[in-house]
Amino acid sequence: MKYENFNSLVLKRQSDRSYLPEPVSESDILKCIEAARLAPSACNSQPWRFVVVNDRNLLSEMSSAASGSGMNKFVSQAPVVVAVVLEKMNITARIGSMLKNKDYSMLDIGMAVEHFCLQAAELGLGTCILGWFDEKKVAHILGVPKGKRIPLLIVMGHPAGENRKKVRKSMEEISSWNRY
């Protein structure tokens, strides 16, 4: 079966940094989480948990945690921020990660987060994936148990801006055939 709309979805997905004040429906958020849940992971480990923040008071605190050093001021506009908590991999994935010296859990999180964001784009929602934030502060705000990491936040809402033209390296700069 051929899916015709994937390329248009990939072109639509961008990092939005301006949001309208309208809320995001719980059903749309759940669709995004379901898309992330279905993402592949090493040994089906699924080392993630998505903590959805849509409470105004908590959003204000999350915005403060994400806006350090003048970064990410736009978070204060977003009606939803999702914290991606890194959970333990299963034993098979942990052993594989150790033996191959590759952190499969971070690769897994990346795939799940992109599934989440592509689903949001399909629903007409904007997202921005953040790695720059005060992780300890976010963990405290959300009651994340000590020892657990929060590698990413996903900011989500109805985008206030238009889609931008994607500027990317040429195919020749990023790919080759049969040899480096």
C-alpha atoms as a PDB file:
ATOM      1  CA  MET A   1       0.000   0.000   0.000  1.00  0.00           C
ATOM      2  CA  LYS A   2       1.320   3.435  -0.920  1.00  0.00           C
ATOM      3  CA  TYR A   3       0.721   6.432   1.324  1.00  0.00           C
ATOM      4  CA  GLU A   4       0.516   9.632  -0.699  1.00  0.00           C
ATOM      5  CA  ASN A   5       0.725  12.282   2.030  1.00  0.00           C
ATOM      6  CA  PHE A   6       3.910  11.488   3.941  1.00  0.00           C
ATOM      7  CA  ASN A   7       6.091  13.977   2.052  1.00  0.00           C
ATOM      8  CA  SER A   8       3.585  16.793   2.551  1.00  0.00           C
ATOM      9  CA  LEU A   9       3.464  15.946   6.269  1.00  0.00           C
ATOM     10  CA  VAL A  10       7.267  16.065   6.513  1.00  0.00           C
ATOM     11  CA  LEU A  11       7.250  19.418   4.726  1.00  0.00           C
ATOM     12  CA  LYS A  12       4.572  20.725   7.109  1.00  0.00           C
ATOM     13  CA  ARG A  13       6.346  19.728  10.365  1.00  0.00           C
ATOM     14  CA  GLN A  14       8.570  22.504  11.672  1.00  0.00           C
ATOM     15  CA  SER A  15       9.749  23.995  14.946  1.00  0.00           C
ATOM     16  CA  ASP A  16       7.051  26.528  15.783  1.00  0.00           C
ATOM     17  CA  ARG A  17       7.974  29.314  18.177  1.00  0.00           C
ATOM     18  CA  SER A  18       4.734  31.286  18.230  1.00  0.00           C
ATOM     19  CA  TYR A  19       1.356  29.978  19.403  1.00  0.00           C
ATOM     20  CA  LEU A  20      -2.238  31.123  19.510  1.00  0.00           C
ATOM     21  CA  PRO A  21      -3.857  31.246  22.976  1.00  0.00           C
ATOM     22  CA  GLU A  22      -6.459  28.567  22.200  1.00  0.00           C
ATOM     23  CA  PRO A  23      -6.236  25.246  24.072  1.00  0.00           C
ATOM     24  CA  VAL A  24      -5.326  21.913  22.508  1.00  0.00           C
ATOM     25  CA  SER A  25      -7.968  19.227  22.879  1.00  0.00           C
ATOM     26  CA  GLU A  26      -7.241  16.232  25.068  1.00  0.00           C
ATOM     27  CA  SER A  27      -8.171  13.927  22.184  1.00  0.00           C
ATOM     28  CA  ASP A  28      -5.516  15.545  19.941  1.00  0.00           C
ATOM     29  CA  ILE A  29      -2.896  15.217  22.674  1.00  0.00           C
ATOM     30  CA  LEU A  30      -3.819  11.556  23.126  1.00  0.00           C
ATOM     31  CA  LYS A  31      -3.479  10.963  19.363  1.00  0.00           C
ATOM     32  CA  CYS A  32       0.047  12.367  19.546  1.00  0.00           C
ATOM     33  CA  ILE A  33       0.923  10.168  22.516  1.00  0.00           C
ATOM     34  CA  GLU A  34      -0.515   7.153  20.705  1.00  0.00           C
ATOM     35  CA  ALA A  35       1.673   7.899  17.673  1.00  0.00           C
ATOM     36  CA  ALA A  36       4.704   8.102  19.982  1.00  0.00           C
ATOM     37  CA  ARG A  37       3.672   4.893  21.745  1.00  0.00           C
ATOM     38  CA  LEU A  38       3.733   3.072  18.413  1.00  0.00           C
ATOM     39  CA  ALA A  39       7.274   4.198  17.556  1.00  0.00           C
ATOM     40  CA  PRO A  40       9.914   1.504  17.248  1.00  0.00           C
ATOM     41  CA  SER A  41      12.445   0.998  20.021  1.00  0.00           C
ATOM     42  CA  ALA A  42      15.412  -1.276  20.607  1.00  0.00           C
ATOM     43  CA  CYS A  43      14.153  -4.698  21.720  1.00  0.00           C
ATOM     44  CA  ASN A  44      10.695  -3.089  22.071  1.00  0.00           C
ATOM     45  CA  SER A  45      11.989  -1.467  25.252  1.00  0.00           C
ATOM     46  CA  GLN A  46       9.814   1.682  24.968  1.00  0.00           C
ATOM     47  CA  PRO A  47      11.984   3.687  27.419  1.00  0.00           C
ATOM     48  CA  TRP A  48       9.724   6.732  27.636  1.00  0.00           C
ATOM     49  CA  ARG A  49       6.969   8.411  29.578  1.00  0.00           C
ATOM     50  CA  PHE A  50       5.157  11.534  28.384  1.00  0.00           C
ATOM     51  CA  VAL A  51       4.065  13.961  31.112  1.00  0.00           C
ATOM     52  CA  VAL A  52       1.507  16.368  29.665  1.00  0.00           C
ATOM     53  CA  VAL A  53       1.316  19.821  31.238  1.00  0.00           C
ATOM     54  CA  ASN A  54      -1.730  21.940  30.388  1.00  0.00           C
ATOM     55  CA  ASP A  55      -2.503  23.486  33.798  1.00  0.00           C
ATOM     56  CA  ARG A  56      -1.961  27.288  33.629  1.00  0.00           C
ATOM     57  CA  ASN A  57       0.005  27.485  36.873  1.00  0.00           C
ATOM     58  CA  LEU A  58       2.277  24.591  35.959  1.00  0.00           C
ATOM     59  CA  LEU A  59       2.725  25.995  32.447  1.00  0.00           C
ATOM     60  CA  SER A  60       3.993  29.228  33.964  1.00  0.00           C
ATOM     61  CA  GLU A  61       6.533  27.281  36.020  1.00  0.00           C
ATOM     62  CA  MET A  62       7.513  25.162  33.002  1.00  0.00           C
ATOM     63  CA  SER A  63       7.976  28.319  30.934  1.00  0.00           C
ATOM     64  CA  SER A  64      10.279  29.692  33.610  1.00  0.00           C
ATOM     65  CA  ALA A  65      12.283  26.448  33.633  1.00  0.00           C
ATOM     66  CA  ALA A  66      12.614  26.501  29.838  1.00  0.00           C
ATOM     67  CA  SER A  67      13.432  30.192  29.443  1.00  0.00           C
ATOM     68  CA  GLY A  68      16.815  30.432  31.133  1.00  0.00           C
ATOM     69  CA  SER A  69      19.588  32.584  29.673  1.00  0.00           C
ATOM     70  CA  GLY A  70      17.112  34.315  27.383  1.00  0.00           C
ATOM     71  CA  MET A  71      16.299  31.123  25.506  1.00  0.00           C
ATOM     72  CA  ASN A  72      12.837  29.793  24.602  1.00  0.00           C
ATOM     73  CA  LYS A  73      10.788  32.814  25.677  1.00  0.00           C
ATOM     74  CA  PHE A  74       8.007  31.615  23.352  1.00  0.00           C
ATOM     75  CA  VAL A  75       7.205  28.724  25.733  1.00  0.00           C
ATOM     76  CA  SER A  76       5.044  31.124  27.741  1.00  0.00           C
ATOM     77  CA  GLN A  77       2.587  31.251  24.802  1.00  0.00           C
ATOM     78  CA  ALA A  78       2.125  27.487  24.516  1.00  0.00           C
ATOM     79  CA  PRO A  79      -1.010  25.855  25.937  1.00  0.00           C
ATOM     80  CA  VAL A  80       0.781  22.491  26.287  1.00  0.00           C
ATOM     81  CA  VAL A  81       4.277  21.399  27.257  1.00  0.00           C
ATOM     82  CA  VAL A  82       5.108  17.701  27.301  1.00  0.00           C
ATOM     83  CA  ALA A  83       8.062  16.454  29.324  1.00  0.00           C
ATOM     84  CA  VAL A  84       9.672  13.336  27.881  1.00  0.00           C
ATOM     85  CA  VAL A  85      10.981  11.246  30.754  1.00  0.00           C
ATOM     86  CA  LEU A  86      13.615   8.634  30.009  1.00  0.00           C
ATOM     87  CA  GLU A  87      12.605   5.309  31.523  1.00  0.00           C
ATOM     88  CA  LYS A  88      14.804   2.238  31.928  1.00  0.00           C
ATOM     89  CA  MET A  89      15.398   0.096  28.891  1.00  0.00           C
ATOM     90  CA  ASN A  90      14.634  -3.594  29.183  1.00  0.00           C
ATOM     91  CA  ILE A  91      17.578  -5.866  29.914  1.00  0.00           C
ATOM     92  CA  THR A  92      18.133  -6.899  26.287  1.00  0.00           C
ATOM     93  CA  ALA A  93      18.330  -3.290  25.078  1.00  0.00           C
ATOM     94  CA  ARG A  94      20.589  -2.345  28.010  1.00  0.00           C
ATOM     95  CA  ILE A  95      23.011  -5.163  27.202  1.00  0.00           C
ATOM     96  CA  GLY A  96      22.962  -4.233  23.499  1.00  0.00           C
ATOM     97  CA  SER A  97      23.634  -0.588  24.339  1.00  0.00           C
ATOM     98  CA  MET A  98      26.575  -1.564  26.506  1.00  0.00           C
ATOM     99  CA  LEU A  99      28.079  -4.042  24.052  1.00  0.00           C
ATOM    100  CA  LYS A 100      27.754  -1.723  21.063  1.00  0.00           C
ATOM    101  CA  ASN A 101      28.534   1.493  22.974  1.00  0.00           C
ATOM    102  CA  LYS A 102      25.363   3.153  21.640  1.00  0.00           C
ATOM    103  CA  ASP A 103      22.697   4.711  23.809  1.00  0.00           C
ATOM    104  CA  TYR A 104      19.702   3.048  22.208  1.00  0.00           C
ATOM    105  CA  SER A 105      17.334   4.740  24.641  1.00  0.00           C
ATOM    106  CA  MET A 106      18.148   8.197  23.254  1.00  0.00           C
ATOM    107  CA  LEU A 107      17.652   6.941  19.704  1.00  0.00           C
ATOM    108  CA  ASP A 108      14.333   5.437  20.788  1.00  0.00           C
ATOM    109  CA  ILE A 109      13.217   8.688  22.419  1.00  0.00           C
ATOM    110  CA  GLY A 110      14.114  10.587  19.248  1.00  0.00           C
ATOM    111  CA  MET A 111      11.927   8.332  17.125  1.00  0.00           C
ATOM    112  CA  ALA A 112       9.012   8.501  19.560  1.00  0.00           C
ATOM    113  CA  VAL A 113       9.208  12.293  19.802  1.00  0.00           C
ATOM    114  CA  GLU A 114       9.277  12.674  16.029  1.00  0.00           C
ATOM    115  CA  HIS A 115       6.226  10.381  15.743  1.00  0.00           C
ATOM    116  CA  PHE A 116       4.518  12.652  18.298  1.00  0.00           C
ATOM    117  CA  CYS A 117       5.427  15.781  16.330  1.00  0.00           C
ATOM    118  CA  LEU A 118       4.424  14.365  12.946  1.00  0.00           C
ATOM    119  CA  GLN A 119       1.038  13.399  14.365  1.00  0.00           C
ATOM    120  CA  ALA A 120       0.666  16.916  15.775  1.00  0.00           C
ATOM    121  CA  ALA A 121       1.478  18.378  12.348  1.00  0.00           C
ATOM    122  CA  GLU A 122      -1.155  16.179  10.731  1.00  0.00           C
ATOM    123  CA  LEU A 123      -3.678  17.550  13.232  1.00  0.00           C
ATOM    124  CA  GLY A 124      -2.714  21.135  12.355  1.00  0.00           C
ATOM    125  CA  LEU A 125      -0.795  21.642  15.596  1.00  0.00           C
ATOM    126  CA  GLY A 126       2.649  23.152  15.947  1.00  0.00           C
ATOM    127  CA  THR A 127       5.475  21.750  18.039  1.00  0.00           C
ATOM    128  CA  CYS A 128       8.994  22.645  19.063  1.00  0.00           C
ATOM    129  CA  ILE A 129      11.371  20.106  20.607  1.00  0.00           C
ATOM    130  CA  LEU A 130      13.516  21.612  23.349  1.00  0.00           C
ATOM    131  CA  GLY A 131      16.739  20.330  24.831  1.00  0.00           C
ATOM    132  CA  TRP A 132      17.661  23.640  26.499  1.00  0.00           C
ATOM    133  CA  PHE A 133      15.858  23.879  29.857  1.00  0.00           C
ATOM    134  CA  ASP A 134      16.506  23.494  33.567  1.00  0.00           C
ATOM    135  CA  GLU A 135      16.049  19.748  33.898  1.00  0.00           C
ATOM    136  CA  LYS A 136      16.232  19.704  37.707  1.00  0.00           C
ATOM    137  CA  LYS A 137      13.592  22.414  37.946  1.00  0.00           C
ATOM    138  CA  VAL A 138      11.281  20.578  35.515  1.00  0.00           C
ATOM    139  CA  ALA A 139      11.742  17.314  37.446  1.00  0.00           C
ATOM    140  CA  HIS A 140      10.853  19.127  40.678  1.00  0.00           C
ATOM    141  CA  ILE A 141       7.791  20.838  39.155  1.00  0.00           C
ATOM    142  CA  LEU A 142       6.442  17.553  37.781  1.00  0.00           C
ATOM    143  CA  GLY A 143       7.416  15.279  40.659  1.00  0.00           C
ATOM    144  CA  VAL A 144       9.667  13.130  38.481  1.00  0.00           C
ATOM    145  CA  PRO A 145      11.459  10.611  40.714  1.00  0.00           C
ATOM    146  CA  LYS A 146      15.118  11.287  41.490  1.00  0.00           C
ATOM    147  CA  GLY A 147      17.502   9.527  39.157  1.00  0.00           C
ATOM    148  CA  LYS A 148      15.226   9.816  36.109  1.00  0.00           C
ATOM    149  CA  ARG A 149      16.276  12.064  33.227  1.00  0.00           C
ATOM    150  CA  ILE A 150      14.163  14.393  31.112  1.00  0.00           C
ATOM    151  CA  PRO A 151      16.091  14.707  27.847  1.00  0.00           C
ATOM    152  CA  LEU A 152      13.464  16.704  25.960  1.00  0.00           C
ATOM    153  CA  LEU A 153      10.417  18.903  26.236  1.00  0.00           C
ATOM    154  CA  ILE A 154       7.839  19.212  23.465  1.00  0.00           C
ATOM    155  CA  VAL A 155       6.093  22.569  23.258  1.00  0.00           C
ATOM    156  CA  MET A 156       2.732  22.265  21.504  1.00  0.00           C
ATOM    157  CA  GLY A 157      -0.130  24.465  20.418  1.00  0.00           C
ATOM    158  CA  HIS A 158      -1.932  26.018  17.490  1.00  0.00           C
ATOM    159  CA  PRO A 159       0.795  27.791  15.506  1.00  0.00           C
ATOM    160  CA  ALA A 160       0.456  31.551  15.113  1.00  0.00           C
ATOM    161  CA  GLY A 161       2.795  31.719  12.118  1.00  0.00           C
ATOM    162  CA  GLU A 162       2.925  30.302   8.629  1.00  0.00           C
ATOM    163  CA  ASN A 163       5.021  27.383   7.489  1.00  0.00           C
ATOM    164  CA  ARG A 164       8.520  28.443   6.524  1.00  0.00           C
ATOM    165  CA  LYS A 165      10.497  27.211   3.538  1.00  0.00           C
ATOM    166  CA  LYS A 166      12.862  24.504   4.733  1.00  0.00           C
ATOM    167  CA  VAL A 167      16.544  25.296   4.334  1.00  0.00           C
ATOM    168  CA  ARG A 168      18.579  22.116   4.298  1.00  0.00           C
ATOM    169  CA  LYS A 169      21.951  20.896   3.063  1.00  0.00           C
ATOM    170  CA  SER A 170      22.017  19.452  -0.448  1.00  0.00           C
ATOM    171  CA  MET A 171      21.572  15.729  -1.033  1.00  0.00           C
ATOM    172  CA  GLU A 172      25.253  15.530  -2.050  1.00  0.00           C
ATOM    173  CA  GLU A 173      26.319  16.986   1.312  1.00  0.00           C
ATOM    174  CA  ILE A 174      24.350  14.458   3.351  1.00  0.00           C
ATOM    175  CA  SER A 175      24.442  11.246   1.342  1.00  0.00           C
ATOM    176  CA  SER A 176      26.609   8.985  -0.764  1.00  0.00           C
ATOM    177  CA  TRP A 177      26.262   5.618  -2.403  1.00  0.00           C
ATOM    178  CA  ASN A 178      28.394   2.565  -1.707  1.00  0.00           C
ATOM    179  CA  ARG A 179      31.244   4.502  -0.069  1.00  0.00           C
ATOM    180  CA  TYR A 180      31.633   7.478   2.239  1.00  0.00           C
END
